[in-house]
């Protein structure tokens, strides 16, 4: 076969398979001849043959193009598997912190500074264990916040909790080993463990955390124990000091490894936190795991391990086979973010916001008669519901709430406590957004000063009027006056330390929803707090007004 025919056939095949779409401009004959190592005449002959057959068309000096007249039968579109699902996070979505409060501008400035000052060496591959600058920042953070003394060489950076688990198991385990896991416990990590050939040994959790005695009875020769001692996931209890000592003694006696997932240790609201297992680890049997997903944001995909000194070389050898995949820019930015003090200030702010959000959610749930399990820390709540928790969760999910059934977190489903629901994360939509937030149908209703009806599928009766409960400071009032009353509500200001009630004077659309509060719980200085008050019997249902005239905090009150 002549060369030009071979080239023509290859071009035709590429067009038929969609690699060259109609209207695509082809390289000039001179350019392609040089690329293929043939004469220009050969390429011209190939083009000429396809032009004659209608596959290509010449457009003078513009060049040669795939003919626009070509039409091919296309396969029917593949139906969307997740049609109708919004890519946006849902309220109370698992694992999602308050993203609206993350200091994105500060993060951008730190990253921009890194981009401007990076050298050519920053474009190369980094340390397989993670960048030293980030590991040192984590060492400093753990020393101050968790009383853990370690070296940068003991710290390994990974791209998430699952990668941390894989690194541990591929370094220390052999197929057939068994691992204690909390029951209930984080369900998404269990497949990662079993894929490494590890047998799960579910150990019950009670008010004092992991039942170590039950573990020693049911699986005395376990090779690993995975625990969340600071804030058990999902029940929120802390592992008692007695249990901690029992667990450390068991690990030392049988030469087992304790994987301490310091879950949500950054967020504690009452009392002093117990020391982490790692700080009590004289026998060096604890591997400490942490992540920035909750304290910063999940898309950072950055976690870390602190391993015993004697295991550094073993972990480093395994890390060379699965090197740190966190981009160097992210690692450097995070290290600077910590060293500049932004991380500490962010955690302090988030503790205050989460404490207030938790209080309001607990109040709203209590008004509805829910039994709320109070916790000293974390960013989640566990509530008791009547009937099947999965059915309750399905109803809430249909209304747009991303709560989860506790039964999904259990390994042994017959254990007591199946009628609980995990209400995950104090996540709220940003100001100005609306959405259906109710455990009912959540339809939009219109409220006017004189009359309105509750149209969300609940027999709550008419809403006679809606009032604004507002509190301001002297400084706020001065700011409002200087700004020509940008936040003035209902015609007057509230006096310092007192509340005034003002009726809404025009219809406003509101969206119904259970457990709903607005984004900003502690407004910055110069803004005021507001709550919606309802005179009907719909207390406990929380609403947002979809109107720019009202700002910040909205919640039902009695």
Foldseek 3Di string as FASTA:
>chain_A
DDPLVVVLVVVVVCDQVPVADFFRFDDQLVVVCVVVVHDSVSPVVSLVVCVVVQQWDADPPVHITGHPPDDDDDDPDDDDPPPPDDPDDFFLAFLFAAQVLFPVVVLVVLLVVCVVPDDPVLVDDDQLQAHLLLLVLVQVVCCPQQVFHDDSLQKGKALAPLRVVVLVCVLPHDAPAEEEDEFLADPVNVVSQVVSNYHYDYAYADLQGGPVVRCCVRPLQHQEYEGQQQQGPPAGHHHDPVNLVSVLVSCLVNVHAYEYEPPQNLAFADDDTDRGSNNVNPVQRYKYKYDCCHLHNVVQSMIMIRHGPVCSVSSSVSSVVVGHPRRSSSSSSVSCCSVVPVSVVSSVVSNVVLVLLVVQLVVLCVLVVWAWDDHRTDFKTKIFDPDQCVVLCVLQVVQRANKAFSCSSGPDNPDPDRRMIISHGNYADAPLDDGRAASFQFDKWKFAAAWTCDDRPDPFGIWGFKKKWKADAPVLVVLCVVVVNLQDPQPDHDYHPHIDIHTDHGMFIKTKYASHWHSAPPDDPNDIDIEMETPIPPRSIWMDTNDPNHDDIYGYDD
